Protein backbone atom coordinates (compact mmCIF):
# COMPACT_ATOMS: atom_id res chain seq x y z
CA UNK A 1 28.38 -35.89 -187.20
CA UNK A 2 28.70 -33.03 -189.08
CA UNK A 3 27.34 -30.91 -186.44
CA UNK A 4 29.81 -32.33 -183.77
CA UNK A 5 32.52 -31.32 -186.27
CA UNK A 6 31.27 -27.60 -186.58
CA UNK A 7 31.21 -27.67 -183.07
CA UNK A 8 34.64 -28.65 -182.53
CA UNK A 9 35.53 -25.81 -184.81
CA UNK A 10 33.41 -23.29 -182.86
CA UNK A 11 35.05 -24.52 -179.68
CA UNK A 12 38.87 -23.74 -181.13
CA UNK A 13 37.37 -20.14 -182.36
CA UNK A 14 35.52 -19.67 -179.32
CA UNK A 15 39.06 -19.90 -177.34
CA UNK A 16 39.98 -16.72 -179.39
CA UNK A 17 36.73 -14.62 -179.33
CA UNK A 18 36.40 -15.37 -175.25
CA UNK A 19 39.73 -13.77 -175.07
CA UNK A 20 38.79 -11.07 -176.99
CA UNK A 21 35.38 -9.73 -175.10
CA UNK A 22 36.89 -10.56 -171.44
CA UNK A 23 38.89 -7.85 -170.42
CA UNK A 24 37.65 -5.21 -172.73
CA UNK A 25 37.26 -2.08 -170.96
CA UNK A 26 34.26 -0.77 -173.02
CA UNK A 27 32.01 -3.61 -172.26
CA UNK A 28 32.98 -3.53 -169.02
CA UNK A 29 31.80 0.13 -168.68
CA UNK A 30 28.71 -0.97 -170.23
CA UNK A 31 28.00 -3.73 -167.85
CA UNK A 32 27.88 -1.79 -165.17
CA UNK A 33 31.48 -1.84 -163.34
CA UNK A 34 31.38 2.26 -163.88
CA UNK A 35 27.82 2.21 -162.61
CA UNK A 36 28.93 0.59 -159.09
CA UNK A 37 31.35 3.11 -159.05
CA UNK A 38 28.96 5.76 -159.47
CA UNK A 39 26.94 4.27 -157.52
CA UNK A 40 29.43 4.25 -154.54
CA UNK A 41 30.43 8.03 -155.07
CA UNK A 42 26.80 8.82 -154.52
CA UNK A 43 26.48 7.17 -151.56
CA UNK A 44 29.48 8.90 -150.38
CA UNK A 45 27.76 12.46 -151.36
CA UNK A 46 24.63 11.22 -149.46
CA UNK A 47 26.72 10.65 -146.29
CA UNK A 48 28.49 13.68 -146.63
CA UNK A 49 25.28 16.08 -146.29
CA UNK A 50 23.93 13.68 -143.63
CA UNK A 51 27.25 14.23 -141.66
CA UNK A 52 26.83 17.63 -142.28
CA UNK A 53 23.02 17.83 -140.61
CA UNK A 54 24.06 15.77 -138.00
CA UNK A 55 27.08 18.18 -136.96
CA UNK A 56 24.99 21.27 -137.00
CA UNK A 57 22.32 19.19 -134.66
CA UNK A 58 25.41 17.78 -132.08
CA UNK A 59 26.63 21.26 -132.05
CA UNK A 60 23.64 22.93 -131.00
CA UNK A 61 23.29 19.93 -128.08
CA UNK A 62 26.79 20.20 -127.24
CA UNK A 63 28.09 16.59 -128.85
CA UNK A 64 31.06 17.21 -130.92
CA UNK A 65 32.69 13.30 -130.84
CA UNK A 66 29.61 11.77 -133.16
CA UNK A 67 30.87 14.39 -135.61
CA UNK A 68 34.57 12.88 -135.60
CA UNK A 69 33.67 9.55 -135.82
CA UNK A 70 31.39 9.98 -138.74
CA UNK A 71 34.30 12.20 -140.51
CA UNK A 72 36.90 9.84 -139.96
CA UNK A 73 34.53 6.59 -141.24
CA UNK A 74 33.88 8.95 -144.17
CA UNK A 75 37.46 9.02 -144.85
CA UNK A 76 38.39 5.78 -144.60
CA UNK A 77 35.34 4.47 -146.53
CA UNK A 78 36.36 7.49 -149.64
CA UNK A 79 40.30 6.12 -149.11
CA UNK A 80 38.81 2.40 -149.81
CA UNK A 81 36.87 3.01 -152.57
CA UNK A 82 39.80 4.93 -154.37
CA UNK A 83 41.99 1.61 -153.59
CA UNK A 84 39.38 -0.41 -155.05
CA UNK A 85 39.03 1.94 -158.05
CA UNK A 86 42.87 1.63 -158.68
CA UNK A 87 43.22 -2.00 -158.24
CA UNK A 88 40.59 -2.90 -160.91
CA UNK A 89 42.34 -0.24 -163.33
CA UNK A 90 45.70 -2.19 -163.10
CA UNK A 91 43.86 -5.75 -163.82
CA UNK A 92 41.82 -3.85 -166.79
CA UNK A 93 45.39 -2.50 -167.91
CA UNK A 94 46.75 -6.09 -167.38
CA UNK A 95 43.93 -7.58 -169.57
CA UNK A 96 44.44 -5.53 -172.40
CA UNK A 97 48.05 -6.31 -172.98
CA UNK A 98 47.58 -10.16 -172.46
CA UNK A 99 44.27 -9.69 -175.05
CA UNK A 100 46.89 -7.83 -177.35
CA UNK A 101 49.51 -10.49 -176.91
CA UNK A 102 47.18 -13.27 -177.79
CA UNK A 103 45.91 -11.70 -180.90
CA UNK A 104 49.53 -11.07 -182.06
CA UNK A 105 50.07 -15.01 -181.26
CA UNK A 106 47.07 -15.90 -183.94
CA UNK A 107 47.70 -13.69 -186.35
CA UNK A 108 51.81 -14.76 -186.24
CA UNK A 109 51.36 -18.66 -185.91
CA UNK A 110 54.41 -20.17 -187.73
CA UNK A 111 52.56 -23.32 -187.92
CA UNK A 112 50.79 -23.72 -191.31
CA UNK A 113 47.35 -23.03 -191.40
CA UNK A 114 46.52 -22.58 -187.23
CA UNK A 115 46.03 -18.90 -187.79
CA UNK A 116 43.13 -19.83 -190.56
CA UNK A 117 42.05 -22.12 -187.96
CA UNK A 118 41.34 -19.20 -185.47
CA UNK A 119 40.57 -16.27 -187.44
CA UNK A 120 38.91 -18.21 -190.81
CA UNK A 121 34.98 -18.23 -191.55
CA UNK A 122 33.86 -21.47 -190.65
CA UNK A 123 34.46 -23.90 -193.75
CA UNK A 124 37.67 -22.16 -194.17
CA UNK A 125 38.60 -22.86 -190.42
CA UNK A 126 37.22 -26.19 -190.62
CA UNK A 127 39.34 -27.33 -193.79
CA UNK A 128 42.60 -26.04 -192.24
CA UNK A 129 41.99 -27.80 -189.01
CA UNK A 130 41.45 -31.01 -191.07
CA UNK A 131 44.86 -30.42 -192.92
CA UNK A 132 46.75 -29.56 -190.05
CA UNK A 133 45.19 -32.66 -188.28
CA UNK A 134 46.26 -34.95 -191.12
CA UNK A 135 49.80 -33.43 -191.10
CA UNK A 136 50.38 -34.30 -187.67
CA UNK A 137 48.65 -37.68 -188.06
CA UNK A 138 51.24 -38.30 -191.00
CA UNK A 139 54.21 -36.89 -188.77
CA UNK A 140 53.44 -39.13 -185.49
CA UNK A 141 53.34 -42.18 -187.51
CA UNK A 142 56.46 -41.64 -189.71
CA UNK A 143 58.37 -40.28 -186.32
CA UNK A 144 57.42 -43.49 -184.75
CA UNK A 145 59.37 -45.28 -187.07
CA UNK A 146 62.37 -43.32 -186.91
CA UNK A 147 62.52 -43.64 -183.20
CA UNK A 148 62.01 -47.52 -183.58
CA UNK A 149 64.91 -47.72 -186.23
CA UNK A 150 67.04 -45.77 -183.66
CA UNK A 151 66.26 -48.06 -181.00
CA UNK A 152 67.58 -50.78 -182.74
CA UNK A 153 71.05 -49.73 -182.47
CA UNK A 154 72.17 -50.86 -185.63
CA UNK A 155 76.28 -50.60 -186.36
CA UNK A 156 78.31 -51.02 -189.54
CA UNK A 157 81.76 -51.81 -189.59
CA UNK A 158 84.23 -48.91 -191.21
CA UNK A 159 87.57 -50.50 -192.21
CA UNK A 160 90.28 -47.66 -193.02
CA UNK A 161 94.10 -47.67 -193.42
CA UNK A 162 95.94 -45.39 -190.68
CA UNK A 163 99.17 -43.89 -191.92
CA UNK A 164 101.94 -43.51 -188.96
CA UNK A 165 105.21 -42.14 -188.92
CA UNK A 166 106.30 -44.58 -186.24
CA UNK A 167 105.02 -47.95 -186.28
CA UNK A 168 105.63 -49.35 -183.06
CA UNK A 169 106.15 -53.20 -182.91
CA UNK A 170 104.00 -55.82 -181.11
CA UNK A 171 105.67 -57.68 -178.35
CA UNK A 172 107.16 -60.92 -178.86
CA UNK A 173 107.35 -63.44 -176.04
CA UNK A 174 109.89 -66.58 -176.44
CA UNK A 175 109.54 -69.57 -174.28
CA UNK A 176 110.53 -73.36 -174.15
CA UNK A 177 107.35 -75.24 -174.78
CA UNK A 178 108.24 -77.73 -171.98
CA UNK A 179 109.23 -75.46 -169.30
CA UNK A 180 106.43 -73.19 -169.90
CA UNK A 181 103.78 -76.18 -169.24
CA UNK A 182 105.95 -77.78 -166.03
CA UNK A 183 105.80 -73.91 -164.30
CA UNK A 184 102.07 -73.23 -165.40
CA UNK A 185 100.28 -76.38 -164.92
CA UNK A 186 102.51 -77.41 -161.37
CA UNK A 187 101.09 -77.83 -158.26
CA UNK A 188 102.30 -78.00 -154.64
CA UNK A 189 105.69 -77.26 -156.70
CA UNK A 190 105.76 -80.22 -158.89
CA UNK A 191 105.20 -80.34 -162.77
CA UNK A 192 102.13 -83.01 -163.92
CA UNK A 193 104.92 -85.05 -165.21
CA UNK A 194 106.50 -85.79 -161.97
CA UNK A 195 104.85 -87.52 -159.04
CA UNK A 196 104.84 -86.06 -155.85
CA UNK A 197 106.98 -88.14 -152.82
CA UNK A 198 104.58 -87.65 -150.15
CA UNK A 199 100.87 -87.04 -151.49
CA UNK A 200 99.19 -87.98 -148.33
CA UNK A 201 99.88 -84.74 -146.77
CA UNK A 202 98.18 -81.55 -147.32
CA UNK A 203 100.03 -78.88 -149.71
CA UNK A 204 100.97 -75.94 -147.41
CA UNK A 205 103.79 -75.15 -150.38
CA UNK A 206 104.39 -71.45 -151.21
CA UNK A 207 105.44 -70.81 -154.50
CA UNK A 208 109.26 -70.26 -155.39
CA UNK A 209 111.33 -69.25 -158.28
CA UNK A 210 114.84 -70.35 -159.04
CA UNK A 211 116.00 -67.16 -159.21
CA UNK A 212 118.32 -67.12 -162.43
CA UNK A 213 120.69 -64.37 -162.93
CA UNK A 214 120.03 -61.23 -164.91
CA UNK A 215 122.96 -59.79 -166.31
CA UNK A 216 125.37 -58.84 -169.38
CA UNK A 217 128.36 -60.87 -170.72
CA UNK A 218 131.47 -58.94 -172.11
CA UNK A 219 130.29 -58.76 -175.58
CA UNK A 220 127.18 -56.84 -174.26
CA UNK A 221 124.91 -59.83 -175.09
CA UNK A 222 121.53 -60.04 -173.06
CA UNK A 223 121.20 -62.95 -171.14
CA UNK A 224 118.89 -64.76 -168.14
CA UNK A 225 120.28 -68.17 -167.48
CA UNK A 226 118.00 -69.98 -170.41
CA UNK A 227 117.84 -67.72 -172.97
CA UNK A 228 121.15 -66.00 -174.72
CA UNK A 229 120.20 -63.23 -176.83
CA UNK A 230 123.32 -62.52 -179.22
CA UNK A 231 121.93 -60.19 -182.04
CA UNK A 232 118.84 -57.80 -182.05
CA UNK A 233 118.79 -54.84 -184.73
CA UNK A 234 116.44 -53.04 -186.86
CA UNK A 235 117.24 -52.54 -190.70
CA UNK A 236 117.28 -48.45 -189.39
CA UNK A 237 120.45 -49.26 -187.14
CA UNK A 238 118.50 -49.48 -183.81
CA UNK A 239 120.14 -51.73 -181.11
CA UNK A 240 118.08 -53.88 -179.00
CA UNK A 241 119.95 -56.67 -177.47
CA UNK A 242 119.57 -55.33 -174.13
CA UNK A 243 117.28 -54.59 -170.88
CA UNK A 244 115.85 -51.89 -172.45
CA UNK A 245 113.69 -54.11 -174.80
CA UNK A 246 114.13 -57.73 -173.27
CA UNK A 247 112.72 -58.99 -169.74
CA UNK A 248 112.32 -62.22 -168.24
CA UNK A 249 109.50 -63.62 -167.31
CA UNK A 250 110.08 -64.70 -163.42
CA UNK A 251 106.67 -66.11 -162.66
CA UNK A 252 107.36 -68.72 -165.36
CA UNK A 253 110.47 -69.23 -163.46
CA UNK A 254 112.47 -67.83 -166.57
CA UNK A 255 111.18 -70.13 -168.95
CA UNK A 256 109.85 -67.46 -170.85
CA UNK A 257 111.38 -64.13 -172.44
CA UNK A 258 109.60 -60.74 -173.93
CA UNK A 259 110.56 -58.86 -176.52
CA UNK A 260 109.69 -55.34 -176.71
CA UNK A 261 107.92 -55.63 -173.01
CA UNK A 262 106.87 -51.74 -173.34
CA UNK A 263 105.97 -51.63 -176.65
CA UNK A 264 108.15 -48.42 -177.59
CA UNK A 265 110.35 -50.15 -180.21
CA UNK A 266 110.00 -48.91 -184.09
CA UNK A 267 111.51 -48.65 -187.62
CA UNK A 268 111.87 -46.62 -190.30
CA UNK A 269 111.56 -50.04 -192.30
CA UNK A 270 109.49 -51.68 -190.00
CA UNK A 271 112.02 -54.43 -189.96
CA UNK A 272 114.26 -56.15 -186.92
CA UNK A 273 116.30 -59.18 -186.79
CA UNK A 274 116.74 -61.43 -183.71
CA UNK A 275 119.04 -64.20 -183.01
CA UNK A 276 119.36 -66.32 -179.69
CA UNK A 277 120.67 -69.44 -178.06
CA UNK A 278 118.82 -71.70 -175.56
CA UNK A 279 121.13 -73.44 -172.84
CA UNK A 280 118.28 -75.97 -171.55
CA UNK A 281 118.53 -76.75 -168.10
CA UNK A 282 119.86 -80.28 -167.28
CA UNK A 283 116.75 -81.62 -165.75
CA UNK A 284 114.98 -81.23 -169.10
CA UNK A 285 115.70 -84.49 -170.43
CA UNK A 286 114.62 -83.86 -173.49
CA UNK A 287 114.76 -81.75 -176.68
CA UNK A 288 113.94 -78.31 -176.10
CA UNK A 289 110.63 -76.75 -178.31
CA UNK A 290 110.82 -73.14 -178.72
CA UNK A 291 107.65 -71.12 -179.11
CA UNK A 292 107.31 -67.31 -180.39
CA UNK A 293 103.81 -65.69 -179.64
CA UNK A 294 103.56 -62.18 -180.92
CA UNK A 295 100.61 -60.11 -178.76
CA UNK A 296 99.79 -56.48 -177.27
CA UNK A 297 102.32 -55.36 -175.08
CA UNK A 298 99.96 -54.70 -172.30
CA UNK A 299 98.58 -58.08 -172.49
CA UNK A 300 100.71 -60.12 -169.81
CA UNK A 301 99.24 -63.53 -170.33
CA UNK A 302 100.22 -66.22 -172.89
CA UNK A 303 98.00 -66.64 -175.62
CA UNK A 304 99.60 -69.90 -177.43
CA UNK A 305 96.61 -70.07 -180.13
CA UNK A 306 98.87 -67.52 -181.64
CA UNK A 307 102.21 -69.28 -181.05
CA UNK A 308 104.95 -69.99 -183.85
CA UNK A 309 106.96 -72.94 -183.63
CA UNK A 310 110.86 -72.23 -184.03
CA UNK A 311 113.58 -74.68 -184.76
CA UNK A 312 117.24 -74.11 -184.89
CA UNK A 313 119.13 -74.33 -187.88
CA UNK A 314 116.55 -72.53 -189.77
CA UNK A 315 115.80 -68.83 -190.62
CA UNK A 316 112.31 -67.83 -189.59
CA UNK A 317 110.42 -64.69 -190.89
CA UNK A 318 107.46 -63.37 -189.75
CA UNK A 319 105.23 -60.98 -191.34
CA UNK A 320 102.88 -58.81 -189.13
CA UNK A 321 99.74 -57.35 -190.25
CA UNK A 322 98.31 -55.23 -187.28
CA UNK A 323 94.73 -54.22 -187.08
CA UNK A 324 93.45 -52.00 -184.47
CA UNK A 325 89.92 -52.94 -183.15
CA UNK A 326 87.32 -50.56 -181.80
CA UNK A 327 83.71 -51.58 -180.74
CA UNK A 328 80.84 -50.26 -179.15
CA UNK A 329 79.74 -50.59 -175.60
CA UNK A 330 75.96 -51.17 -174.32
CA UNK A 331 73.56 -51.10 -175.77
CA UNK A 332 74.96 -51.78 -179.35
CA UNK A 333 75.38 -55.36 -180.56
CA UNK A 334 79.08 -56.33 -179.34
CA UNK A 335 78.40 -54.99 -175.28
CA UNK A 336 81.61 -54.43 -175.23
CA UNK A 337 83.69 -53.36 -171.81
CA UNK A 338 87.22 -52.60 -170.48
CA UNK A 339 86.14 -53.35 -166.86
CA UNK A 340 88.13 -56.18 -165.73
CA UNK A 341 84.59 -57.88 -164.41
CA UNK A 342 85.89 -61.44 -163.62
CA UNK A 343 89.73 -60.93 -164.90
CA UNK A 344 92.12 -62.04 -162.18
CA UNK A 345 95.07 -61.89 -164.14
CA UNK A 346 97.52 -58.93 -164.16
CA UNK A 347 97.42 -56.85 -167.59
CA UNK A 348 95.26 -55.47 -169.98
CA UNK A 349 91.31 -56.81 -169.89
CA UNK A 350 90.83 -59.63 -172.88
CA UNK A 351 87.97 -61.96 -173.42
CA UNK A 352 90.38 -65.27 -173.06
CA UNK A 353 91.76 -64.31 -169.87
CA UNK A 354 88.59 -63.29 -168.56
CA UNK A 355 87.43 -67.22 -169.28
CA UNK A 356 90.02 -68.75 -168.02
CA UNK A 357 90.00 -66.70 -164.73
CA UNK A 358 86.09 -67.44 -164.70
CA UNK A 359 87.21 -71.22 -165.08
CA UNK A 360 89.66 -71.15 -162.43
CA UNK A 361 87.80 -69.44 -160.09
CA UNK A 362 84.99 -72.39 -160.32
CA UNK A 363 87.87 -75.04 -159.88
CA UNK A 364 89.16 -73.33 -156.64
CA UNK A 365 85.37 -73.34 -155.29
CA UNK A 366 84.81 -77.19 -156.18
CA UNK A 367 88.22 -78.25 -155.36
CA UNK A 368 89.45 -76.01 -152.58
CA UNK A 369 92.78 -75.20 -154.26
CA UNK A 370 94.15 -74.72 -157.57
CA UNK A 371 97.23 -74.63 -159.52
CA UNK A 372 100.62 -72.68 -158.36
CA UNK A 373 100.41 -70.22 -160.65
CA UNK A 374 97.02 -69.51 -160.74
CA UNK A 375 96.73 -69.56 -157.03
CA UNK A 376 98.33 -65.95 -156.42
CA UNK A 377 95.70 -64.41 -158.50
CA UNK A 378 92.66 -65.94 -157.06
CA UNK A 379 90.92 -63.07 -154.45
CA UNK A 380 91.21 -62.81 -150.89
CA UNK A 381 87.62 -63.44 -150.29
CA UNK A 382 87.10 -66.57 -152.47
CA UNK A 383 90.17 -68.23 -150.85
CA UNK A 384 88.74 -67.55 -147.35
CA UNK A 385 85.26 -68.97 -148.14
CA UNK A 386 86.32 -71.82 -150.06
CA UNK A 387 89.84 -73.33 -148.81
CA UNK A 388 89.96 -76.74 -148.87
CA UNK A 389 91.49 -79.22 -146.48
CA UNK A 390 92.20 -82.13 -148.82
CA UNK A 391 95.37 -83.95 -149.43
CA UNK A 392 97.84 -83.81 -152.52
CA UNK A 393 96.43 -86.69 -154.14
CA UNK A 394 93.02 -85.64 -153.36
CA UNK A 395 93.72 -81.97 -155.09
CA UNK A 396 95.17 -83.50 -157.83
CA UNK A 397 92.66 -85.87 -159.05
CA UNK A 398 89.95 -83.08 -158.38
CA UNK A 399 92.01 -80.24 -160.51
CA UNK A 400 92.99 -82.28 -163.26
CA UNK A 401 89.42 -84.22 -163.56
CA UNK A 402 87.86 -80.19 -163.61
CA UNK A 403 90.31 -79.57 -166.19
CA UNK A 404 89.99 -82.54 -168.33
CA UNK A 405 86.25 -81.27 -168.44
CA UNK A 406 84.47 -78.83 -170.67
CA UNK A 407 85.30 -75.11 -170.29
CA UNK A 408 82.37 -73.50 -169.01
CA UNK A 409 80.86 -70.90 -170.63
CA UNK A 410 80.10 -67.23 -168.79
CA UNK A 411 78.06 -64.02 -169.94
CA UNK A 412 79.98 -62.06 -167.46
CA UNK A 413 83.23 -61.86 -170.12
CA UNK A 414 82.26 -59.46 -172.84
CA UNK A 415 84.83 -58.28 -175.92
CA UNK A 416 87.15 -55.56 -175.40
CA UNK A 417 86.16 -52.18 -176.57
CA UNK A 418 89.77 -51.63 -177.95
CA UNK A 419 91.77 -54.78 -179.14
CA UNK A 420 94.72 -55.46 -181.26
CA UNK A 421 94.89 -58.14 -184.08
CA UNK A 422 97.72 -59.56 -184.96
CA UNK A 423 97.81 -61.58 -188.92
CA UNK A 424 101.19 -63.70 -188.38
CA UNK A 425 102.10 -65.50 -191.80
CA UNK A 426 105.43 -67.29 -191.01
CA UNK A 427 108.02 -68.72 -193.37
CA UNK A 428 111.58 -70.48 -193.02
CA UNK A 429 114.18 -71.39 -195.28
CA UNK A 430 116.81 -73.82 -193.95
CA UNK A 431 120.30 -72.44 -193.26
CA UNK A 432 123.31 -73.98 -195.32
CA UNK A 433 126.07 -72.68 -193.23
CA UNK A 434 126.44 -72.51 -189.15
CA UNK A 435 124.38 -75.88 -188.58
CA UNK A 436 127.21 -76.86 -185.85
CA UNK A 437 125.58 -73.77 -183.76
CA UNK A 438 121.98 -73.98 -182.40
CA UNK A 439 121.02 -70.30 -182.93
CA UNK A 440 117.27 -69.40 -183.40
CA UNK A 441 117.06 -66.41 -186.06
CA UNK A 442 113.76 -64.50 -186.34
CA UNK A 443 113.08 -61.55 -188.69
CA UNK A 444 109.95 -59.75 -187.83
CA UNK A 445 108.43 -57.48 -190.46
CA UNK A 446 105.00 -55.57 -191.11
CA UNK A 447 103.31 -55.88 -193.97
CA UNK A 448 102.59 -51.98 -194.13
CA UNK A 449 105.58 -50.27 -193.02
CA UNK A 450 103.94 -47.06 -192.27
CA UNK A 451 100.39 -47.70 -191.55
CA UNK A 452 97.91 -50.66 -190.14
CA UNK A 453 94.44 -51.14 -190.37
CA UNK A 454 92.00 -49.96 -188.17
CA UNK A 455 88.09 -51.76 -188.27
CA UNK A 456 85.89 -49.16 -185.94
CA UNK A 457 82.15 -49.81 -185.22
CA UNK A 458 79.94 -47.28 -185.72
CA UNK A 459 76.62 -46.31 -185.12
CA UNK A 460 74.25 -47.09 -188.19
CA UNK A 461 71.44 -44.18 -187.09
CA UNK A 462 72.62 -41.77 -185.01
CA UNK A 463 70.66 -39.96 -182.77
CA UNK A 464 71.62 -36.23 -184.74
CA UNK A 465 70.81 -38.02 -187.98
CA UNK A 466 67.69 -39.12 -186.54
CA UNK A 467 66.78 -35.38 -185.02
CA UNK A 468 67.70 -33.80 -188.55
CA UNK A 469 65.10 -36.53 -190.52
CA UNK A 470 62.04 -35.91 -187.67
CA UNK A 471 62.61 -32.08 -188.22
CA UNK A 472 62.70 -32.22 -191.93
CA UNK A 473 59.76 -34.20 -191.76
CA UNK A 474 57.75 -32.24 -189.57
CA UNK A 475 58.54 -29.19 -191.17
CA UNK A 476 57.29 -30.68 -194.69
CA UNK A 477 54.13 -31.45 -193.14
CA UNK A 478 53.13 -28.89 -191.25
CA UNK A 479 55.87 -26.26 -191.41
CA UNK A 480 56.79 -26.50 -188.01
CA UNK A 481 59.89 -26.34 -185.50
CA UNK A 482 60.71 -26.37 -181.77
CA UNK A 483 60.09 -22.70 -182.10
CA UNK A 484 56.59 -23.06 -183.29
CA UNK A 485 55.56 -25.77 -180.77
CA UNK A 486 56.84 -22.76 -178.00
CA UNK A 487 54.84 -20.14 -179.73
CA UNK A 488 51.77 -22.60 -179.34
CA UNK A 489 52.68 -23.24 -175.64
CA UNK A 490 52.88 -19.35 -174.94
CA UNK A 491 49.70 -18.84 -176.70
CA UNK A 492 48.17 -21.53 -174.46
CA UNK A 493 49.59 -20.04 -171.38
CA UNK A 494 48.06 -16.58 -172.25
CA UNK A 495 44.46 -17.64 -172.64
CA UNK A 496 44.77 -19.42 -169.05
CA UNK A 497 46.38 -16.57 -167.83
CA UNK A 498 43.46 -14.62 -169.02
CA UNK A 499 40.99 -16.57 -167.84
CA UNK A 500 42.28 -16.96 -164.26
CA UNK A 501 42.80 -12.89 -163.65
């Protein structure tokens, strides 16, 4: 075992020793290279004497062409010898330069102990070789652990308060609950609480909206035929009861209106007061139920899970707590995505609308049709392939049966990478005056006037931290760096070149 180890030491040192002896001009002259040159020169002189004798003989006999051909042959031989000598001289110079560079690298390695391995005595060289291999082995084990830690892609959540000069209000959608349900869940132009007159035919109804006029009255209030906004004013003095901040939702047959639809309203006190009246249509046949849904202005679909029921004769104060959420995409655990994917509804991508889209597409595939509101968003390829020929009664039964079933799960609806979470805390007071007027009064107030929260996912162990720790560990174990590795590679390249040429 010891002999094998020492043989390994001799091999390492032999790489350097061979590079010293090979290409040395002194050893070359001793080994007979110069002698070969001398023999060729001697042969050249013998040939010259022979040529002179032949020249004299041929002159006496009258033959001159032999003399010239032999002279030309001799001259060519001398030229070839000169070129051969010049080429060998260049090769010797190259070897001397490479040998000198190899010596420089061996004597100046920045890897601790590597110079001693090549230049030290046998025992000393063995000691430093053991130390060097031990340091490399330790580095490999720890580096493996650090890389494994990095590939886990762990995260942590940083929560901070973001200070802002303008704290923009979210959008708020006000709807009459029954009218919203009638318009969202209608099929073939008829709401679910009304029976079709002729349900034995195939539905060929194209969705139509009641075109309620959108104008302003003499007192400059905003009006869409159902909602009459009589006041919208911030504590900072901004007036917002106009079309710049209110929009009717035609796709829900004007049963909803959206305030601050562009998300561009702010106030120095982060407070706004809104008052409006609702004039129910004659066919409603019940008391209206008004709901308010605060949401991000880029989201067009109504999420009733965040609704606040509003009653007349009461003054509501809705306090808002805005939190901006930032997630990390693949390969991190959140695996967020900003692409629409299966989401067929307009507006910014949300996970809820993606899940709804998936279920409505599956409904269309099974029933050959879907709700009037959703039908317009079904992709053309799905319609072309799965459009059915069921009667209104058959289609309705299939749609309601599918709707009452369990919502299908899908793995294709990731969380969005950027999201807005609105904490809603409503409170109300009974109005002692003005109970004869069916007005709805709402006040919106941010809890933090000039700030909002940001929850941002961050990489627990980023690659630059891993690189720093690996570099520090290797530097501690063997005193090496990236430049040290380059030195070893260049040295190995020079040794190979020295053996080849």
